[in-house]
Amino acid sequence: MKIQIEYFALLKEQRGISIETIETKAANPEILYSDLKRQYSFSLEPSMLKLAVNEDFANWDYSLKDGDTVVFIPPVAGG
């Protein structure tokens, strides 16, 4: 299935882009993030992130569907 992923803050810096569409077989965002973390060497653990799917906050065990948009939201420091 095709999933659109949006990255912000540190994840955006580490990935080098803010949005991408990927093909995945990940059943849920937890597996998806694990795959991405391994592939791109993300430094943040899932427990440090908020998750949104299709513009609504979601649980890590949400069943992904073709066409979903997933946003991993890291802590953001202001200044």
PDB file of N, CA and C in Angstrom:
ATOM      1  N   MET A   1       0.842  -1.183   0.000  1.00  0.00           N
ATOM      2  CA  MET A   1       0.000   0.000   0.000  1.00  0.00           C
ATOM      3  C   MET A   1       0.883   1.241   0.000  1.00  0.00           C
ATOM      4  N   LYS A   2       0.323   2.336  -0.482  1.00  0.00           N
ATOM      5  CA  LYS A   2       1.048   3.610  -0.491  1.00  0.00           C
ATOM      6  C   LYS A   2       0.592   4.443   0.699  1.00  0.00           C
ATOM      7  N   ILE A   3       1.569   4.963   1.435  1.00  0.00           N
ATOM      8  CA  ILE A   3       1.332   5.798   2.613  1.00  0.00           C
ATOM      9  C   ILE A   3       2.112   7.092   2.429  1.00  0.00           C
ATOM     10  N   GLN A   4       1.484   8.208   2.721  1.00  0.00           N
ATOM     11  CA  GLN A   4       2.191   9.491   2.720  1.00  0.00           C
ATOM     12  C   GLN A   4       2.675   9.746   4.143  1.00  0.00           C
ATOM     13  N   ILE A   5       3.923  10.149   4.275  1.00  0.00           N
ATOM     14  CA  ILE A   5       4.499  10.424   5.590  1.00  0.00           C
ATOM     15  C   ILE A   5       4.975  11.863   5.616  1.00  0.00           C
ATOM     16  N   GLU A   6       4.661  12.549   6.721  1.00  0.00           N
ATOM     17  CA  GLU A   6       5.140  13.910   6.928  1.00  0.00           C
ATOM     18  C   GLU A   6       6.063  13.926   8.139  1.00  0.00           C
ATOM     19  N   TYR A   7       7.171  14.642   8.002  1.00  0.00           N
ATOM     20  CA  TYR A   7       8.164  14.741   9.064  1.00  0.00           C
ATOM     21  C   TYR A   7       8.277  16.193   9.524  1.00  0.00           C
ATOM     22  N   PHE A   8       8.487  16.369  10.820  1.00  0.00           N
ATOM     23  CA  PHE A   8       8.667  17.699  11.394  1.00  0.00           C
ATOM     24  C   PHE A   8       9.889  17.714  12.310  1.00  0.00           C
ATOM     25  N   ALA A   9      10.420  18.910  12.524  1.00  0.00           N
ATOM     26  CA  ALA A   9      11.488  19.164  13.490  1.00  0.00           C
ATOM     27  C   ALA A   9      12.667  18.200  13.277  1.00  0.00           C
ATOM     28  N   LEU A  10      13.095  17.514  14.334  1.00  0.00           N
ATOM     29  CA  LEU A  10      14.281  16.670  14.274  1.00  0.00           C
ATOM     30  C   LEU A  10      14.149  15.571  13.220  1.00  0.00           C
ATOM     31  N   LEU A  11      12.978  14.966  13.086  1.00  0.00           N
ATOM     32  CA  LEU A  11      12.810  13.910  12.081  1.00  0.00           C
ATOM     33  C   LEU A  11      12.984  14.473  10.671  1.00  0.00           C
ATOM     34  N   LYS A  12      12.488  15.675  10.452  1.00  0.00           N
ATOM     35  CA  LYS A  12      12.655  16.332   9.155  1.00  0.00           C
ATOM     36  C   LYS A  12      14.140  16.572   8.885  1.00  0.00           C
ATOM     37  N   GLU A  13      14.867  17.010   9.900  1.00  0.00           N
ATOM     38  CA  GLU A  13      16.304  17.237   9.750  1.00  0.00           C
ATOM     39  C   GLU A  13      17.033  15.931   9.450  1.00  0.00           C
ATOM     40  N   GLN A  14      16.682  14.883  10.187  1.00  0.00           N
ATOM     41  CA  GLN A  14      17.374  13.613  10.011  1.00  0.00           C
ATOM     42  C   GLN A  14      17.033  12.954   8.676  1.00  0.00           C
ATOM     43  N   ARG A  15      15.820  13.101   8.208  1.00  0.00           N
ATOM     44  CA  ARG A  15      15.410  12.503   6.937  1.00  0.00           C
ATOM     45  C   ARG A  15      15.826  13.367   5.754  1.00  0.00           C
ATOM     46  N   GLY A  16      15.877  14.688   5.952  1.00  0.00           N
ATOM     47  CA  GLY A  16      16.283  15.595   4.890  1.00  0.00           C
ATOM     48  C   GLY A  16      15.147  16.045   3.988  1.00  0.00           C
ATOM     49  N   ILE A  17      13.930  15.607   4.287  1.00  0.00           N
ATOM     50  CA  ILE A  17      12.751  16.041   3.544  1.00  0.00           C
ATOM     51  C   ILE A  17      11.580  16.156   4.514  1.00  0.00           C
ATOM     52  N   SER A  18      10.531  16.848   4.103  1.00  0.00           N
ATOM     53  CA  SER A  18       9.387  17.026   4.998  1.00  0.00           C
ATOM     54  C   SER A  18       8.216  16.109   4.662  1.00  0.00           C
ATOM     55  N   ILE A  19       8.190  15.569   3.437  1.00  0.00           N
ATOM     56  CA  ILE A  19       7.057  14.729   3.043  1.00  0.00           C
ATOM     57  C   ILE A  19       7.524  13.728   1.986  1.00  0.00           C
ATOM     58  N   GLU A  20       6.975  12.525   2.062  1.00  0.00           N
ATOM     59  CA  GLU A  20       7.261  11.518   1.052  1.00  0.00           C
ATOM     60  C   GLU A  20       6.121  10.516   1.004  1.00  0.00           C
ATOM     61  N   THR A  21       5.996   9.843  -0.118  1.00  0.00           N
ATOM     62  CA  THR A  21       5.049   8.750  -0.269  1.00  0.00           C
ATOM     63  C   THR A  21       5.859   7.480  -0.446  1.00  0.00           C
ATOM     64  N   ILE A  22       5.529   6.460   0.344  1.00  0.00           N
ATOM     65  CA  ILE A  22       6.275   5.215   0.283  1.00  0.00           C
ATOM     66  C   ILE A  22       5.327   4.037   0.078  1.00  0.00           C
ATOM     67  N   GLU A  23       5.880   2.945  -0.396  1.00  0.00           N
ATOM     68  CA  GLU A  23       5.186   1.661  -0.448  1.00  0.00           C
ATOM     69  C   GLU A  23       5.581   0.918   0.824  1.00  0.00           C
ATOM     70  N   THR A  24       4.602   0.367   1.532  1.00  0.00           N
ATOM     71  CA  THR A  24       4.903  -0.360   2.760  1.00  0.00           C
ATOM     72  C   THR A  24       3.937  -1.512   2.956  1.00  0.00           C
ATOM     73  N   LYS A  25       4.394  -2.482   3.708  1.00  0.00           N
ATOM     74  CA  LYS A  25       3.538  -3.582   4.125  1.00  0.00           C
ATOM     75  C   LYS A  25       3.266  -3.498   5.628  1.00  0.00           C
ATOM     76  N   ALA A  26       3.711  -2.408   6.253  1.00  0.00           N
ATOM     77  CA  ALA A  26       3.531  -2.227   7.700  1.00  0.00           C
ATOM     78  C   ALA A  26       2.042  -2.212   8.038  1.00  0.00           C
ATOM     79  N   ALA A  27       1.656  -2.990   9.023  1.00  0.00           N
ATOM     80  CA  ALA A  27       0.250  -3.097   9.415  1.00  0.00           C
ATOM     81  C   ALA A  27      -0.222  -1.908  10.225  1.00  0.00           C
ATOM     82  N   ASN A  28       0.722  -1.244  10.917  1.00  0.00           N
ATOM     83  CA  ASN A  28       0.350  -0.130  11.786  1.00  0.00           C
ATOM     84  C   ASN A  28       1.518   0.857  11.881  1.00  0.00           C
ATOM     85  N   PRO A  29       1.268   2.045  12.447  1.00  0.00           N
ATOM     86  CA  PRO A  29       2.326   3.053  12.550  1.00  0.00           C
ATOM     87  C   PRO A  29       3.521   2.610  13.398  1.00  0.00           C
ATOM     88  N   GLU A  30       3.293   1.752  14.367  1.00  0.00           N
ATOM     89  CA  GLU A  30       4.407   1.272  15.193  1.00  0.00           C
ATOM     90  C   GLU A  30       5.425   0.512  14.336  1.00  0.00           C
ATOM     91  N   ILE A  31       4.930  -0.381  13.499  1.00  0.00           N
ATOM     92  CA  ILE A  31       5.813  -1.137  12.611  1.00  0.00           C
ATOM     93  C   ILE A  31       6.422  -0.210  11.566  1.00  0.00           C
ATOM     94  N   LEU A  32       5.612   0.693  11.026  1.00  0.00           N
ATOM     95  CA  LEU A  32       6.096   1.650  10.034  1.00  0.00           C
ATOM     96  C   LEU A  32       7.240   2.479  10.597  1.00  0.00           C
ATOM     97  N   TYR A  33       7.068   3.028  11.806  1.00  0.00           N
ATOM     98  CA  TYR A  33       8.128   3.856  12.385  1.00  0.00           C
ATOM     99  C   TYR A  33       9.373   3.023  12.662  1.00  0.00           C
ATOM    100  N   SER A  34       9.189   1.805  13.130  1.00  0.00           N
ATOM    101  CA  SER A  34      10.330   0.920  13.379  1.00  0.00           C
ATOM    102  C   SER A  34      11.129   0.707  12.095  1.00  0.00           C
ATOM    103  N   ASP A  35      10.434   0.471  10.992  1.00  0.00           N
ATOM    104  CA  ASP A  35      11.098   0.295   9.697  1.00  0.00           C
ATOM    105  C   ASP A  35      11.836   1.567   9.282  1.00  0.00           C
ATOM    106  N   LEU A  36      11.169   2.710   9.421  1.00  0.00           N
ATOM    107  CA  LEU A  36      11.779   3.989   9.043  1.00  0.00           C
ATOM    108  C   LEU A  36      12.967   4.325   9.944  1.00  0.00           C
ATOM    109  N   LYS A  37      12.835   4.062  11.233  1.00  0.00           N
ATOM    110  CA  LYS A  37      13.907   4.343  12.203  1.00  0.00           C
ATOM    111  C   LYS A  37      15.155   3.557  11.834  1.00  0.00           C
ATOM    112  N   ARG A  38      14.964   2.299  11.486  1.00  0.00           N
ATOM    113  CA  ARG A  38      16.087   1.449  11.093  1.00  0.00           C
ATOM    114  C   ARG A  38      16.689   1.942   9.770  1.00  0.00           C
ATOM    115  N   GLN A  39      15.840   2.281   8.817  1.00  0.00           N
ATOM    116  CA  GLN A  39      16.303   2.698   7.492  1.00  0.00           C
ATOM    117  C   GLN A  39      17.023   4.046   7.507  1.00  0.00           C
ATOM    118  N   TYR A  40      16.502   5.001   8.275  1.00  0.00           N
ATOM    119  CA  TYR A  40      17.042   6.360   8.257  1.00  0.00           C
ATOM    120  C   TYR A  40      17.792   6.748   9.526  1.00  0.00           C
ATOM    121  N   SER A  41      17.983   5.810  10.437  1.00  0.00           N
ATOM    122  CA  SER A  41      18.724   6.042  11.688  1.00  0.00           C
ATOM    123  C   SER A  41      18.121   7.165  12.526  1.00  0.00           C
ATOM    124  N   PHE A  42      16.791   7.223  12.587  1.00  0.00           N
ATOM    125  CA  PHE A  42      16.143   8.215  13.449  1.00  0.00           C
ATOM    126  C   PHE A  42      16.583   7.997  14.890  1.00  0.00           C
ATOM    127  N   SER A  43      16.816   9.073  15.606  1.00  0.00           N
ATOM    128  CA  SER A  43      17.314   8.977  16.978  1.00  0.00           C
ATOM    129  C   SER A  43      16.201   8.928  18.022  1.00  0.00           C
ATOM    130  N   LEU A  44      14.978   9.280  17.646  1.00  0.00           N
ATOM    131  CA  LEU A  44      13.884   9.339  18.613  1.00  0.00           C
ATOM    132  C   LEU A  44      13.152   8.008  18.725  1.00  0.00           C
ATOM    133  N   GLU A  45      12.838   7.642  19.963  1.00  0.00           N
ATOM    134  CA  GLU A  45      12.051   6.448  20.215  1.00  0.00           C
ATOM    135  C   GLU A  45      10.566   6.787  20.041  1.00  0.00           C
ATOM    136  N   PRO A  46       9.739   5.810  19.706  1.00  0.00           N
ATOM    137  CA  PRO A  46       8.311   6.069  19.534  1.00  0.00           C
ATOM    138  C   PRO A  46       7.655   6.714  20.756  1.00  0.00           C
ATOM    139  N   SER A  47       8.132   6.381  21.938  1.00  0.00           N
ATOM    140  CA  SER A  47       7.548   6.947  23.163  1.00  0.00           C
ATOM    141  C   SER A  47       7.722   8.465  23.248  1.00  0.00           C
ATOM    142  N   MET A  48       8.629   9.012  22.445  1.00  0.00           N
ATOM    143  CA  MET A  48       8.874  10.452  22.451  1.00  0.00           C
ATOM    144  C   MET A  48       8.009  11.191  21.424  1.00  0.00           C
ATOM    145  N   LEU A  49       7.263  10.454  20.622  1.00  0.00           N
ATOM    146  CA  LEU A  49       6.519  11.040  19.510  1.00  0.00           C
ATOM    147  C   LEU A  49       5.016  11.012  19.741  1.00  0.00           C
ATOM    148  N   LYS A  50       4.336  11.966  19.143  1.00  0.00           N
ATOM    149  CA  LYS A  50       2.887  11.919  18.979  1.00  0.00           C
ATOM    150  C   LYS A  50       2.643  11.424  17.558  1.00  0.00           C
ATOM    151  N   LEU A  51       1.466  10.913  17.338  1.00  0.00           N
ATOM    152  CA  LEU A  51       1.152  10.326  16.047  1.00  0.00           C
ATOM    153  C   LEU A  51      -0.190  10.839  15.560  1.00  0.00           C
ATOM    154  N   ALA A  52      -0.247  11.204  14.292  1.00  0.00           N
ATOM    155  CA  ALA A  52      -1.516  11.572  13.669  1.00  0.00           C
ATOM    156  C   ALA A  52      -1.656  10.783  12.367  1.00  0.00           C
ATOM    157  N   VAL A  53      -2.878  10.355  12.096  1.00  0.00           N
ATOM    158  CA  VAL A  53      -3.195   9.681  10.840  1.00  0.00           C
ATOM    159  C   VAL A  53      -4.402  10.398  10.247  1.00  0.00           C
ATOM    160  N   ASN A  54      -4.236  10.855   9.022  1.00  0.00           N
ATOM    161  CA  ASN A  54      -5.305  11.581   8.326  1.00  0.00           C
ATOM    162  C   ASN A  54      -5.827  12.761   9.150  1.00  0.00           C
ATOM    163  N   GLU A  55      -4.886  13.512   9.716  1.00  0.00           N
ATOM    164  CA  GLU A  55      -5.150  14.754  10.453  1.00  0.00           C
ATOM    165  C   GLU A  55      -5.829  14.562  11.803  1.00  0.00           C
ATOM    166  N   ASP A  56      -5.887  13.338  12.317  1.00  0.00           N
ATOM    167  CA  ASP A  56      -6.421  13.081  13.656  1.00  0.00           C
ATOM    168  C   ASP A  56      -5.379  12.329  14.462  1.00  0.00           C
ATOM    169  N   PHE A  57      -5.261  12.669  15.756  1.00  0.00           N
ATOM    170  CA  PHE A  57      -4.358  11.908  16.600  1.00  0.00           C
ATOM    171  C   PHE A  57      -4.799  10.452  16.598  1.00  0.00           C
ATOM    172  N   ALA A  58      -3.836   9.540  16.619  1.00  0.00           N
ATOM    173  CA  ALA A  58      -4.133   8.115  16.508  1.00  0.00           C
ATOM    174  C   ALA A  58      -3.260   7.317  17.462  1.00  0.00           C
ATOM    175  N   ASN A  59      -3.635   6.074  17.659  1.00  0.00           N
ATOM    176  CA  ASN A  59      -2.850   5.143  18.456  1.00  0.00           C
ATOM    177  C   ASN A  59      -1.851   4.425  17.559  1.00  0.00           C
ATOM    178  N   TRP A  60      -0.790   3.942  18.160  1.00  0.00           N
ATOM    179  CA  TRP A  60       0.269   3.271  17.417  1.00  0.00           C
ATOM    180  C   TRP A  60      -0.203   1.964  16.785  1.00  0.00           C
ATOM    181  N   ASP A  61      -1.304   1.404  17.258  1.00  0.00           N
ATOM    182  CA  ASP A  61      -1.797   0.146  16.699  1.00  0.00           C
ATOM    183  C   ASP A  61      -2.899   0.364  15.645  1.00  0.00           C
ATOM    184  N   TYR A  62      -3.112   1.610  15.223  1.00  0.00           N
ATOM    185  CA  TYR A  62      -4.078   1.927  14.174  1.00  0.00           C
ATOM    186  C   TYR A  62      -3.781   1.068  12.939  1.00  0.00           C
ATOM    187  N   SER A  63      -4.782   0.485  12.328  1.00  0.00           N
ATOM    188  CA  SER A  63      -4.600  -0.332  11.120  1.00  0.00           C
ATOM    189  C   SER A  63      -4.456   0.569   9.899  1.00  0.00           C
ATOM    190  N   LEU A  64      -3.258   0.612   9.350  1.00  0.00           N
ATOM    191  CA  LEU A  64      -2.998   1.456   8.189  1.00  0.00           C
ATOM    192  C   LEU A  64      -3.740   0.955   6.967  1.00  0.00           C
ATOM    193  N   LYS A  65      -4.162   1.933   6.141  1.00  0.00           N
ATOM    194  CA  LYS A  65      -4.853   1.632   4.899  1.00  0.00           C
ATOM    195  C   LYS A  65      -4.184   2.391   3.754  1.00  0.00           C
ATOM    196  N   ASP A  66      -4.315   1.862   2.565  1.00  0.00           N
ATOM    197  CA  ASP A  66      -3.769   2.508   1.383  1.00  0.00           C
ATOM    198  C   ASP A  66      -4.285   3.949   1.311  1.00  0.00           C
ATOM    199  N   GLY A  67      -3.370   4.886   1.105  1.00  0.00           N
ATOM    200  CA  GLY A  67      -3.747   6.285   0.978  1.00  0.00           C
ATOM    201  C   GLY A  67      -3.712   7.082   2.267  1.00  0.00           C
ATOM    202  N   ASP A  68      -3.441   6.429   3.394  1.00  0.00           N
ATOM    203  CA  ASP A  68      -3.359   7.154   4.670  1.00  0.00           C
ATOM    204  C   ASP A  68      -2.200   8.144   4.654  1.00  0.00           C
ATOM    205  N   THR A  69      -2.357   9.225   5.422  1.00  0.00           N
ATOM    206  CA  THR A  69      -1.276  10.169   5.673  1.00  0.00           C
ATOM    207  C   THR A  69      -0.894  10.049   7.138  1.00  0.00           C
ATOM    208  N   VAL A  70       0.377   9.738   7.379  1.00  0.00           N
ATOM    209  CA  VAL A  70       0.885   9.530   8.733  1.00  0.00           C
ATOM    210  C   VAL A  70       1.852  10.656   9.072  1.00  0.00           C
ATOM    211  N   VAL A  71       1.673  11.238  10.254  1.00  0.00           N
ATOM    212  CA  VAL A  71       2.561  12.304  10.716  1.00  0.00           C
ATOM    213  C   VAL A  71       3.146  11.885  12.055  1.00  0.00           C
ATOM    214  N   PHE A  72       4.460  11.815  12.121  1.00  0.00           N
ATOM    215  CA  PHE A  72       5.172  11.559  13.364  1.00  0.00           C
ATOM    216  C   PHE A  72       5.592  12.922  13.923  1.00  0.00           C
ATOM    217  N   ILE A  73       5.103  13.241  15.121  1.00  0.00           N
ATOM    218  CA  ILE A  73       5.297  14.578  15.686  1.00  0.00           C
ATOM    219  C   ILE A  73       6.259  14.502  16.868  1.00  0.00           C
ATOM    220  N   PRO A  74       7.497  14.976  16.673  1.00  0.00           N
ATOM    221  CA  PRO A  74       8.477  14.955  17.758  1.00  0.00           C
ATOM    222  C   PRO A  74       8.273  16.136  18.703  1.00  0.00           C
ATOM    223  N   PRO A  75       8.934  16.069  19.866  1.00  0.00           N
ATOM    224  CA  PRO A  75       8.882  17.228  20.759  1.00  0.00           C
ATOM    225  C   PRO A  75       9.494  18.430  20.055  1.00  0.00           C
ATOM    226  N   VAL A  76       8.911  19.591  20.267  1.00  0.00           N
ATOM    227  CA  VAL A  76       9.392  20.806  19.621  1.00  0.00           C
ATOM    228  C   VAL A  76       9.783  21.799  20.695  1.00  0.00           C
ATOM    229  N   ALA A  77      11.014  22.316  20.589  1.00  0.00           N
ATOM    230  CA  ALA A  77      11.486  23.323  21.528  1.00  0.00           C
ATOM    231  C   ALA A  77      11.300  24.704  20.922  1.00  0.00           C
ATOM    232  N   GLY A  78      10.795  25.596  21.706  1.00  0.00           N
ATOM    233  CA  GLY A  78      10.612  26.968  21.228  1.00  0.00           C
ATOM    234  C   GLY A  78      11.787  27.837  21.607  1.00  0.00           C
ATOM    235  N   GLY A  79      11.795  29.029  21.084  1.00  0.00           N
ATOM    236  CA  GLY A  79      12.918  29.875  21.456  1.00  0.00           C
ATOM    237  C   GLY A  79      12.815  31.232  20.877  1.00  0.00           C
TER     238      GLY A  79
END
